[in-house]
Each structure stands twice: as structure tokens, then as C-alpha cells.
All heavy atoms as atom14 arrays in JSON, in Angstrom:
{
  "sequence": "NGIKKITEMNYDTASDRYIFSQYGKEMKDENDGNPVSFKNVIVILAP",
  "atom14_mask": [
    [1, 1, 1, 1, 1, 1, 1, 1, 0, 0, 0, 0, 0, 0],
    [1, 1, 1, 1, 0, 0, 0, 0, 0, 0, 0, 0, 0, 0],
    [1, 1, 1, 1, 1, 1, 1, 1, 0, 0, 0, 0, 0, 0],
    [1, 1, 1, 1, 1, 1, 1, 1, 1, 0, 0, 0, 0, 0],
    [1, 1, 1, 1, 1, 1, 1, 1, 1, 0, 0, 0, 0, 0],
    [1, 1, 1, 1, 1, 1, 1, 1, 0, 0, 0, 0, 0, 0],
    [1, 1, 1, 1, 1, 1, 1, 0, 0, 0, 0, 0, 0, 0],
    [1, 1, 1, 1, 1, 1, 1, 1, 1, 0, 0, 0, 0, 0],
    [1, 1, 1, 1, 1, 1, 1, 1, 0, 0, 0, 0, 0, 0],
    [1, 1, 1, 1, 1, 1, 1, 1, 0, 0, 0, 0, 0, 0],
    [1, 1, 1, 1, 1, 1, 1, 1, 1, 1, 1, 1, 0, 0],
    [1, 1, 1, 1, 1, 1, 1, 1, 0, 0, 0, 0, 0, 0],
    [1, 1, 1, 1, 1, 1, 1, 0, 0, 0, 0, 0, 0, 0],
    [1, 1, 1, 1, 1, 0, 0, 0, 0, 0, 0, 0, 0, 0],
    [1, 1, 1, 1, 1, 1, 0, 0, 0, 0, 0, 0, 0, 0],
    [1, 1, 1, 1, 1, 1, 1, 1, 0, 0, 0, 0, 0, 0],
    [1, 1, 1, 1, 1, 1, 1, 1, 1, 1, 1, 0, 0, 0],
    [1, 1, 1, 1, 1, 1, 1, 1, 1, 1, 1, 1, 0, 0],
    [1, 1, 1, 1, 1, 1, 1, 1, 0, 0, 0, 0, 0, 0],
    [1, 1, 1, 1, 1, 1, 1, 1, 1, 1, 1, 0, 0, 0],
    [1, 1, 1, 1, 1, 1, 0, 0, 0, 0, 0, 0, 0, 0],
    [1, 1, 1, 1, 1, 1, 1, 1, 1, 0, 0, 0, 0, 0],
    [1, 1, 1, 1, 1, 1, 1, 1, 1, 1, 1, 1, 0, 0],
    [1, 1, 1, 1, 0, 0, 0, 0, 0, 0, 0, 0, 0, 0],
    [1, 1, 1, 1, 1, 1, 1, 1, 1, 0, 0, 0, 0, 0],
    [1, 1, 1, 1, 1, 1, 1, 1, 1, 0, 0, 0, 0, 0],
    [1, 1, 1, 1, 1, 1, 1, 1, 0, 0, 0, 0, 0, 0],
    [1, 1, 1, 1, 1, 1, 1, 1, 1, 0, 0, 0, 0, 0],
    [1, 1, 1, 1, 1, 1, 1, 1, 0, 0, 0, 0, 0, 0],
    [1, 1, 1, 1, 1, 1, 1, 1, 1, 0, 0, 0, 0, 0],
    [1, 1, 1, 1, 1, 1, 1, 1, 0, 0, 0, 0, 0, 0],
    [1, 1, 1, 1, 1, 1, 1, 1, 0, 0, 0, 0, 0, 0],
    [1, 1, 1, 1, 0, 0, 0, 0, 0, 0, 0, 0, 0, 0],
    [1, 1, 1, 1, 1, 1, 1, 1, 0, 0, 0, 0, 0, 0],
    [1, 1, 1, 1, 1, 1, 1, 0, 0, 0, 0, 0, 0, 0],
    [1, 1, 1, 1, 1, 1, 1, 0, 0, 0, 0, 0, 0, 0],
    [1, 1, 1, 1, 1, 1, 0, 0, 0, 0, 0, 0, 0, 0],
    [1, 1, 1, 1, 1, 1, 1, 1, 1, 1, 1, 0, 0, 0],
    [1, 1, 1, 1, 1, 1, 1, 1, 1, 0, 0, 0, 0, 0],
    [1, 1, 1, 1, 1, 1, 1, 1, 0, 0, 0, 0, 0, 0],
    [1, 1, 1, 1, 1, 1, 1, 0, 0, 0, 0, 0, 0, 0],
    [1, 1, 1, 1, 1, 1, 1, 1, 0, 0, 0, 0, 0, 0],
    [1, 1, 1, 1, 1, 1, 1, 0, 0, 0, 0, 0, 0, 0],
    [1, 1, 1, 1, 1, 1, 1, 1, 0, 0, 0, 0, 0, 0],
    [1, 1, 1, 1, 1, 1, 1, 1, 0, 0, 0, 0, 0, 0],
    [1, 1, 1, 1, 1, 0, 0, 0, 0, 0, 0, 0, 0, 0],
    [1, 1, 1, 1, 1, 1, 1, 0, 0, 0, 0, 0, 0, 0]
  ],
  "atom14_positions": [
    [[12.6, -13.87, -31.45], [12.38, -14.29, -32.91], [13.78, -14.69, -33.48], [13.9, -14.3, -34.57], [11.76, -13.08, -33.62], [10.31, -12.71, -33.06], [9.7, -13.6, -32.57], [10.06, -11.38, -33.24], [0.0, 0.0, 0.0], [0.0, 0.0, 0.0], [0.0, 0.0, 0.0], [0.0, 0.0, 0.0], [0.0, 0.0, 0.0], [0.0, 0.0, 0.0]],
    [[14.67, -15.19, -32.75], [15.82, -15.76, -33.26], [17.01, -14.78, -33.35], [18.06, -15.07, -33.77], [0.0, 0.0, 0.0], [0.0, 0.0, 0.0], [0.0, 0.0, 0.0], [0.0, 0.0, 0.0], [0.0, 0.0, 0.0], [0.0, 0.0, 0.0], [0.0, 0.0, 0.0], [0.0, 0.0, 0.0], [0.0, 0.0, 0.0], [0.0, 0.0, 0.0]],
    [[16.64, -13.56, -33.06], [17.7, -12.5, -33.12], [18.28, -12.28, -31.67], [17.53, -12.36, -30.76], [17.07, -11.18, -33.54], [16.69, -11.4, -34.99], [18.04, -10.01, -33.54], [15.99, -10.22, -35.54], [0.0, 0.0, 0.0], [0.0, 0.0, 0.0], [0.0, 0.0, 0.0], [0.0, 0.0, 0.0], [0.0, 0.0, 0.0], [0.0, 0.0, 0.0]],
    [[19.58, -12.16, -31.52], [20.22, -12.11, -30.19], [21.14, -10.87, -30.11], [21.89, -10.51, -31.1], [21.07, -13.4, -30.06], [20.19, -14.63, -29.98], [21.2, -15.79, -29.76], [20.42, -17.23, -29.7], [21.24, -18.3, -29.52], [0.0, 0.0, 0.0], [0.0, 0.0, 0.0], [0.0, 0.0, 0.0], [0.0, 0.0, 0.0], [0.0, 0.0, 0.0]],
    [[21.2, -10.33, -28.89], [22.23, -9.31, -28.51], [22.85, -9.79, -27.1], [21.99, -9.96, -26.22], [21.55, -8.02, -28.4], [22.52, -6.78, -28.37], [22.82, -6.52, -26.91], [23.96, -5.45, -26.62], [24.37, -5.19, -25.33], [0.0, 0.0, 0.0], [0.0, 0.0, 0.0], [0.0, 0.0, 0.0], [0.0, 0.0, 0.0], [0.0, 0.0, 0.0]],
    [[24.13, -9.75, -27.03], [24.66, -10.37, -25.82], [25.32, -9.1, -25.02], [26.11, -8.3, -25.46], [25.77, -11.33, -26.17], [25.23, -12.49, -26.78], [26.49, -11.72, -24.88], [26.08, -13.6, -27.21], [0.0, 0.0, 0.0], [0.0, 0.0, 0.0], [0.0, 0.0, 0.0], [0.0, 0.0, 0.0], [0.0, 0.0, 0.0], [0.0, 0.0, 0.0]],
    [[25.03, -9.14, -23.68], [25.74, -8.21, -22.79], [26.52, -9.11, -21.73], [25.86, -10.11, -21.23], [24.69, -7.3, -22.03], [24.25, -6.3, -22.92], [25.37, -6.65, -20.9], [0.0, 0.0, 0.0], [0.0, 0.0, 0.0], [0.0, 0.0, 0.0], [0.0, 0.0, 0.0], [0.0, 0.0, 0.0], [0.0, 0.0, 0.0], [0.0, 0.0, 0.0]],
    [[27.68, -8.68, -21.4], [28.34, -9.48, -20.33], [28.7, -8.41, -19.15], [29.0, -7.27, -19.37], [29.78, -10.03, -20.78], [29.73, -11.18, -21.47], [30.97, -11.92, -21.7], [32.09, -11.27, -21.32], [31.06, -12.95, -22.37], [0.0, 0.0, 0.0], [0.0, 0.0, 0.0], [0.0, 0.0, 0.0], [0.0, 0.0, 0.0], [0.0, 0.0, 0.0]],
    [[28.42, -8.91, -17.95], [28.98, -8.14, -16.84], [30.06, -8.97, -16.06], [29.67, -10.12, -15.8], [27.68, -7.86, -15.84], [26.65, -6.96, -16.27], [27.24, -5.28, -16.19], [26.01, -4.41, -17.24], [0.0, 0.0, 0.0], [0.0, 0.0, 0.0], [0.0, 0.0, 0.0], [0.0, 0.0, 0.0], [0.0, 0.0, 0.0], [0.0, 0.0, 0.0]],
    [[31.12, -8.49, -16.0], [32.28, -9.14, -15.43], [32.67, -8.53, -14.07], [32.94, -7.31, -13.98], [33.5, -9.11, -16.37], [33.21, -9.72, -17.68], [32.94, -10.86, -17.71], [33.21, -9.05, -18.88], [0.0, 0.0, 0.0], [0.0, 0.0, 0.0], [0.0, 0.0, 0.0], [0.0, 0.0, 0.0], [0.0, 0.0, 0.0], [0.0, 0.0, 0.0]],
    [[32.75, -9.47, -13.04], [32.96, -8.92, -11.66], [34.39, -8.64, -11.5], [35.28, -9.42, -11.71], [32.41, -9.83, -10.53], [32.74, -9.61, -9.23], [31.93, -8.43, -8.79], [33.54, -10.29, -8.39], [32.21, -8.07, -7.35], [33.73, -9.93, -7.04], [32.97, -8.74, -6.62], [33.15, -8.38, -5.26], [0.0, 0.0, 0.0], [0.0, 0.0, 0.0]],
    [[34.7, -7.35, -10.97], [36.1, -6.89, -10.62], [36.19, -6.88, -9.21], [35.54, -6.19, -8.57], [36.3, -5.53, -11.22], [37.63, -5.02, -10.83], [38.63, -5.7, -11.16], [37.74, -3.99, -10.2], [0.0, 0.0, 0.0], [0.0, 0.0, 0.0], [0.0, 0.0, 0.0], [0.0, 0.0, 0.0], [0.0, 0.0, 0.0], [0.0, 0.0, 0.0]],
    [[36.94, -7.85, -8.54], [37.04, -7.95, -7.14], [37.75, -6.64, -6.48], [37.27, -6.3, -5.3], [37.85, -9.16, -6.69], [39.15, -9.15, -7.26], [37.2, -10.51, -7.16], [0.0, 0.0, 0.0], [0.0, 0.0, 0.0], [0.0, 0.0, 0.0], [0.0, 0.0, 0.0], [0.0, 0.0, 0.0], [0.0, 0.0, 0.0], [0.0, 0.0, 0.0]],
    [[38.74, -6.02, -7.15], [39.29, -4.83, -6.63], [38.22, -3.74, -6.34], [38.32, -3.2, -5.26], [40.41, -4.38, -7.51], [0.0, 0.0, 0.0], [0.0, 0.0, 0.0], [0.0, 0.0, 0.0], [0.0, 0.0, 0.0], [0.0, 0.0, 0.0], [0.0, 0.0, 0.0], [0.0, 0.0, 0.0], [0.0, 0.0, 0.0], [0.0, 0.0, 0.0]],
    [[37.33, -3.55, -7.16], [36.37, -2.41, -7.05], [35.02, -2.95, -6.49], [34.12, -2.16, -6.18], [36.1, -1.69, -8.44], [35.58, -2.67, -9.35], [0.0, 0.0, 0.0], [0.0, 0.0, 0.0], [0.0, 0.0, 0.0], [0.0, 0.0, 0.0], [0.0, 0.0, 0.0], [0.0, 0.0, 0.0], [0.0, 0.0, 0.0], [0.0, 0.0, 0.0]],
    [[34.83, -4.27, -6.46], [33.59, -4.88, -6.03], [32.4, -4.3, -6.9], [31.41, -3.99, -6.47], [33.39, -4.48, -4.64], [32.03, -5.18, -3.98], [31.75, -6.37, -4.48], [31.42, -4.75, -3.16], [0.0, 0.0, 0.0], [0.0, 0.0, 0.0], [0.0, 0.0, 0.0], [0.0, 0.0, 0.0], [0.0, 0.0, 0.0], [0.0, 0.0, 0.0]],
    [[32.76, -4.35, -8.2], [31.68, -3.71, -9.14], [31.8, -4.65, -10.44], [32.77, -5.46, -10.69], [32.05, -2.32, -9.58], [32.0, -1.41, -8.45], [32.47, 0.02, -8.86], [31.32, 0.56, -9.81], [30.47, 1.32, -9.34], [30.26, 1.47, -8.0], [29.54, 1.8, -10.16], [0.0, 0.0, 0.0], [0.0, 0.0, 0.0], [0.0, 0.0, 0.0]],
    [[30.53, -4.77, -11.23], [30.48, -5.48, -12.43], [30.8, -4.46, -13.61], [30.16, -3.44, -13.64], [29.08, -6.09, -12.62], [28.96, -7.41, -11.84], [28.4, -7.46, -10.64], [29.33, -8.49, -12.49], [28.29, -8.51, -9.81], [29.22, -9.83, -11.86], [28.53, -9.69, -10.52], [28.51, -10.9, -9.75], [0.0, 0.0, 0.0], [0.0, 0.0, 0.0]],
    [[31.8, -4.86, -14.37], [32.14, -4.09, -15.56], [31.36, -4.44, -16.81], [31.2, -5.68, -17.06], [33.6, -4.19, -15.76], [34.46, -3.65, -14.61], [34.01, -3.46, -17.18], [35.95, -3.81, -14.67], [0.0, 0.0, 0.0], [0.0, 0.0, 0.0], [0.0, 0.0, 0.0], [0.0, 0.0, 0.0], [0.0, 0.0, 0.0], [0.0, 0.0, 0.0]],
    [[30.66, -3.55, -17.39], [29.84, -3.72, -18.66], [30.61, -3.93, -19.95], [31.44, -3.14, -20.2], [28.95, -2.52, -18.62], [27.95, -2.39, -19.77], [27.48, -3.55, -20.45], [27.28, -1.26, -20.0], [26.49, -3.56, -21.4], [26.2, -1.24, -20.86], [25.9, -2.33, -21.65], [0.0, 0.0, 0.0], [0.0, 0.0, 0.0], [0.0, 0.0, 0.0]],
    [[30.42, -5.0, -20.57], [31.07, -5.41, -21.77], [29.95, -5.8, -22.72], [29.01, -6.46, -22.52], [32.1, -6.51, -21.69], [33.17, -6.11, -20.91], [0.0, 0.0, 0.0], [0.0, 0.0, 0.0], [0.0, 0.0, 0.0], [0.0, 0.0, 0.0], [0.0, 0.0, 0.0], [0.0, 0.0, 0.0], [0.0, 0.0, 0.0], [0.0, 0.0, 0.0]],
    [[30.22, -5.37, -24.18], [29.39, -5.68, -25.13], [30.05, -5.55, -26.46], [31.08, -4.8, -26.51], [28.02, -4.98, -25.1], [28.16, -3.42, -25.27], [26.85, -2.66, -25.17], [25.83, -3.25, -25.22], [27.05, -1.35, -24.98], [0.0, 0.0, 0.0], [0.0, 0.0, 0.0], [0.0, 0.0, 0.0], [0.0, 0.0, 0.0], [0.0, 0.0, 0.0]],
    [[29.54, -6.08, -27.56], [30.15, -5.99, -28.88], [31.71, -6.33, -28.78], [32.52, -5.69, -29.47], [30.02, -4.49, -29.42], [28.67, -4.07, -29.38], [28.41, -3.0, -28.57], [27.61, -4.73, -30.06], [27.02, -2.47, -28.56], [26.41, -4.17, -29.97], [26.02, -3.06, -29.35], [24.74, -2.55, -29.27], [0.0, 0.0, 0.0], [0.0, 0.0, 0.0]],
    [[32.04, -7.28, -27.85], [33.42, -7.71, -27.73], [34.32, -6.81, -27.17], [35.58, -7.11, -27.15], [0.0, 0.0, 0.0], [0.0, 0.0, 0.0], [0.0, 0.0, 0.0], [0.0, 0.0, 0.0], [0.0, 0.0, 0.0], [0.0, 0.0, 0.0], [0.0, 0.0, 0.0], [0.0, 0.0, 0.0], [0.0, 0.0, 0.0], [0.0, 0.0, 0.0]],
    [[33.88, -5.88, -26.44], [34.8, -4.97, -25.77], [34.21, -4.43, -24.41], [32.98, -4.23, -24.27], [35.13, -3.9, -26.64], [34.08, -2.96, -27.16], [34.5, -1.88, -28.26], [33.38, -1.19, -28.78], [33.84, -0.21, -29.84], [0.0, 0.0, 0.0], [0.0, 0.0, 0.0], [0.0, 0.0, 0.0], [0.0, 0.0, 0.0], [0.0, 0.0, 0.0]],
    [[35.07, -3.97, -23.54], [34.61, -3.38, -22.36], [34.24, -1.91, -22.53], [34.82, -1.14, -23.32], [35.98, -3.21, -21.28], [35.74, -2.85, -20.01], [36.96, -2.95, -19.24], [37.36, -4.06, -18.71], [37.64, -1.9, -18.99], [0.0, 0.0, 0.0], [0.0, 0.0, 0.0], [0.0, 0.0, 0.0], [0.0, 0.0, 0.0], [0.0, 0.0, 0.0]],
    [[33.09, -1.52, -21.99], [32.49, -0.19, -22.08], [33.35, 0.93, -21.24], [33.68, 0.57, -20.14], [31.12, -0.08, -21.77], [30.15, -1.02, -22.73], [30.05, -0.36, -24.38], [31.33, -1.38, -25.14], [0.0, 0.0, 0.0], [0.0, 0.0, 0.0], [0.0, 0.0, 0.0], [0.0, 0.0, 0.0], [0.0, 0.0, 0.0], [0.0, 0.0, 0.0]],
    [[33.58, 2.04, -21.88], [34.14, 3.22, -21.15], [33.15, 4.28, -21.16], [32.27, 4.56, -21.89], [35.39, 3.7, -21.98], [36.54, 2.47, -21.99], [37.27, 2.4, -20.71], [38.47, 1.4, -20.91], [39.13, 1.2, -19.64], [0.0, 0.0, 0.0], [0.0, 0.0, 0.0], [0.0, 0.0, 0.0], [0.0, 0.0, 0.0], [0.0, 0.0, 0.0]],
    [[33.32, 5.14, -20.07], [32.67, 6.46, -19.93], [33.74, 7.53, -20.26], [34.69, 7.75, -19.44], [32.1, 6.63, -18.47], [31.17, 7.78, -18.39], [31.37, 8.81, -18.98], [30.24, 7.66, -17.75], [0.0, 0.0, 0.0], [0.0, 0.0, 0.0], [0.0, 0.0, 0.0], [0.0, 0.0, 0.0], [0.0, 0.0, 0.0], [0.0, 0.0, 0.0]],
    [[33.41, 8.28, -21.35], [34.3, 9.34, -21.77], [34.46, 10.56, -20.66], [35.57, 11.16, -20.7], [33.96, 9.94, -23.05], [34.55, 9.17, -24.36], [34.46, 10.02, -25.55], [33.78, 11.08, -25.61], [35.06, 9.69, -26.54], [0.0, 0.0, 0.0], [0.0, 0.0, 0.0], [0.0, 0.0, 0.0], [0.0, 0.0, 0.0], [0.0, 0.0, 0.0]],
    [[33.43, 10.62, -19.82], [33.56, 11.74, -18.81], [34.65, 11.6, -17.91], [35.49, 12.43, -17.56], [32.24, 11.79, -18.08], [31.11, 12.55, -18.85], [31.37, 13.08, -19.94], [30.08, 12.76, -18.22], [0.0, 0.0, 0.0], [0.0, 0.0, 0.0], [0.0, 0.0, 0.0], [0.0, 0.0, 0.0], [0.0, 0.0, 0.0], [0.0, 0.0, 0.0]],
    [[34.87, 10.23, -17.33], [35.99, 10.06, -16.33], [37.03, 9.02, -16.85], [38.03, 8.8, -16.23], [35.27, 9.51, -15.09], [34.48, 8.16, -15.3], [34.73, 7.51, -16.31], [33.63, 7.92, -14.37], [0.0, 0.0, 0.0], [0.0, 0.0, 0.0], [0.0, 0.0, 0.0], [0.0, 0.0, 0.0], [0.0, 0.0, 0.0], [0.0, 0.0, 0.0]],
    [[36.84, 8.51, -18.07], [37.85, 7.57, -18.54], [37.77, 6.09, -18.15], [38.67, 5.33, -18.38], [0.0, 0.0, 0.0], [0.0, 0.0, 0.0], [0.0, 0.0, 0.0], [0.0, 0.0, 0.0], [0.0, 0.0, 0.0], [0.0, 0.0, 0.0], [0.0, 0.0, 0.0], [0.0, 0.0, 0.0], [0.0, 0.0, 0.0], [0.0, 0.0, 0.0]],
    [[36.86, 5.99, -17.11], [36.75, 4.63, -16.42], [35.88, 3.56, -17.02], [35.02, 3.96, -17.79], [36.45, 4.87, -14.9], [37.41, 5.65, -14.17], [38.4, 5.4, -14.31], [36.82, 6.45, -13.12], [0.0, 0.0, 0.0], [0.0, 0.0, 0.0], [0.0, 0.0, 0.0], [0.0, 0.0, 0.0], [0.0, 0.0, 0.0], [0.0, 0.0, 0.0]],
    [[36.11, 2.36, -16.81], [35.11, 1.39, -17.29], [33.8, 1.62, -16.68], [33.55, 2.17, -15.57], [35.66, 0.03, -16.71], [37.07, 0.28, -16.48], [37.08, 1.66, -16.09], [0.0, 0.0, 0.0], [0.0, 0.0, 0.0], [0.0, 0.0, 0.0], [0.0, 0.0, 0.0], [0.0, 0.0, 0.0], [0.0, 0.0, 0.0], [0.0, 0.0, 0.0]],
    [[32.71, 1.44, -17.57], [31.31, 1.52, -17.16], [31.11, 0.39, -16.12], [31.25, -0.78, -16.58], [30.33, 1.57, -18.21], [28.92, 1.56, -17.78], [30.52, 2.79, -19.07], [0.0, 0.0, 0.0], [0.0, 0.0, 0.0], [0.0, 0.0, 0.0], [0.0, 0.0, 0.0], [0.0, 0.0, 0.0], [0.0, 0.0, 0.0], [0.0, 0.0, 0.0]],
    [[30.55, 0.62, -14.97], [30.55, -0.49, -13.95], [29.31, -0.24, -12.96], [29.06, 0.97, -12.78], [31.77, -0.69, -13.23], [32.17, 0.51, -12.44], [0.0, 0.0, 0.0], [0.0, 0.0, 0.0], [0.0, 0.0, 0.0], [0.0, 0.0, 0.0], [0.0, 0.0, 0.0], [0.0, 0.0, 0.0], [0.0, 0.0, 0.0], [0.0, 0.0, 0.0]],
    [[29.01, -1.25, -12.3], [27.72, -1.14, -11.38], [28.07, -2.1, -10.28], [28.62, -3.02, -10.3], [26.46, -1.71, -12.12], [26.22, -0.76, -13.34], [26.65, -1.36, -14.66], [25.47, 0.37, -13.41], [26.46, -0.62, -15.85], [25.2, 1.01, -14.54], [25.73, 0.62, -15.79], [0.0, 0.0, 0.0], [0.0, 0.0, 0.0], [0.0, 0.0, 0.0]],
    [[27.56, -1.65, -8.99], [27.56, -2.57, -7.86], [26.55, -3.74, -7.91], [26.84, -4.8, -7.5], [27.17, -1.65, -6.63], [28.27, -0.86, -6.07], [29.32, -1.63, -5.34], [30.36, -0.77, -4.63], [31.37, -1.62, -4.03], [0.0, 0.0, 0.0], [0.0, 0.0, 0.0], [0.0, 0.0, 0.0], [0.0, 0.0, 0.0], [0.0, 0.0, 0.0]],
    [[25.28, -3.41, -8.56], [24.31, -4.37, -8.61], [23.92, -4.56, -10.0], [23.78, -3.73, -10.83], [23.16, -3.82, -7.9], [23.37, -3.45, -6.46], [23.54, -4.29, -5.6], [23.42, -2.15, -6.27], [0.0, 0.0, 0.0], [0.0, 0.0, 0.0], [0.0, 0.0, 0.0], [0.0, 0.0, 0.0], [0.0, 0.0, 0.0], [0.0, 0.0, 0.0]],
    [[23.6, -5.94, -10.37], [22.97, -6.31, -11.69], [21.7, -7.0, -11.49], [21.68, -8.09, -10.7], [24.04, -7.28, -12.37], [23.49, -7.84, -13.68], [25.38, -6.58, -12.71], [0.0, 0.0, 0.0], [0.0, 0.0, 0.0], [0.0, 0.0, 0.0], [0.0, 0.0, 0.0], [0.0, 0.0, 0.0], [0.0, 0.0, 0.0], [0.0, 0.0, 0.0]],
    [[20.69, -6.58, -12.07], [19.41, -7.19, -12.09], [18.91, -7.48, -13.45], [19.1, -6.72, -14.39], [18.36, -6.22, -11.4], [18.66, -6.14, -9.81], [16.93, -6.68, -11.5], [17.72, -5.12, -9.09], [0.0, 0.0, 0.0], [0.0, 0.0, 0.0], [0.0, 0.0, 0.0], [0.0, 0.0, 0.0], [0.0, 0.0, 0.0], [0.0, 0.0, 0.0]],
    [[18.24, -8.64, -13.71], [17.65, -9.16, -14.89], [16.24, -9.2, -14.69], [15.81, -9.96, -13.83], [18.34, -10.37, -15.46], [17.63, -10.77, -16.87], [19.83, -10.18, -15.72], [0.0, 0.0, 0.0], [0.0, 0.0, 0.0], [0.0, 0.0, 0.0], [0.0, 0.0, 0.0], [0.0, 0.0, 0.0], [0.0, 0.0, 0.0], [0.0, 0.0, 0.0]],
    [[15.48, -8.44, -15.52], [13.87, -8.74, -15.5], [13.64, -9.44, -16.81], [13.94, -9.01, -17.86], [13.22, -7.27, -15.61], [13.43, -6.6, -14.25], [11.78, -7.54, -16.01], [12.89, -5.19, -14.3], [0.0, 0.0, 0.0], [0.0, 0.0, 0.0], [0.0, 0.0, 0.0], [0.0, 0.0, 0.0], [0.0, 0.0, 0.0], [0.0, 0.0, 0.0]],
    [[12.9, -10.61, -16.66], [12.44, -11.36, -17.71], [10.99, -11.11, -18.0], [10.23, -11.38, -17.13], [12.75, -12.89, -17.65], [14.29, -13.26, -17.48], [14.32, -14.74, -17.02], [14.95, -12.97, -18.83], [0.0, 0.0, 0.0], [0.0, 0.0, 0.0], [0.0, 0.0, 0.0], [0.0, 0.0, 0.0], [0.0, 0.0, 0.0], [0.0, 0.0, 0.0]],
    [[10.62, -10.65, -19.13], [9.32, -10.11, -19.36], [8.78, -10.5, -20.72], [9.45, -10.49, -21.84], [9.16, -8.59, -19.32], [0.0, 0.0, 0.0], [0.0, 0.0, 0.0], [0.0, 0.0, 0.0], [0.0, 0.0, 0.0], [0.0, 0.0, 0.0], [0.0, 0.0, 0.0], [0.0, 0.0, 0.0], [0.0, 0.0, 0.0], [0.0, 0.0, 0.0]],
    [[7.56, -10.98, -20.91], [6.98, -11.28, -22.15], [7.11, -10.19, -23.16], [6.76, -8.98, -22.76], [5.45, -11.56, -21.93], [5.4, -11.81, -20.43], [6.49, -11.08, -19.77], [0.0, 0.0, 0.0], [0.0, 0.0, 0.0], [0.0, 0.0, 0.0], [0.0, 0.0, 0.0], [0.0, 0.0, 0.0], [0.0, 0.0, 0.0], [0.0, 0.0, 0.0]]
  ]
}
């Protein structure tokens, strides 16, 4: 309905992981102090 929210996943070759970014910044996990990252990224497009 014309409203948008953007997520970026940026591939880091050193860790072989995608780093989660949104709201113009890289996400962090306060538990370990590291960037929030994932090995796999899947997008489901659903009505």
C-alpha cells in the first residue's frame, strides 16, 4: 500500500555470512558484541 521498509543483507567474505543492516546501520547483538549475521538468506513472497 505504498509503504516501504528496507532490509539489507551484506555479504562478508571473511566470515562467509550475510550481515543484517536496516535503518541505515549495521545490526549488533548485545550478547556477543558482534554484527547480526546469517549463513543463508531466504525471501518468501506471499500475498
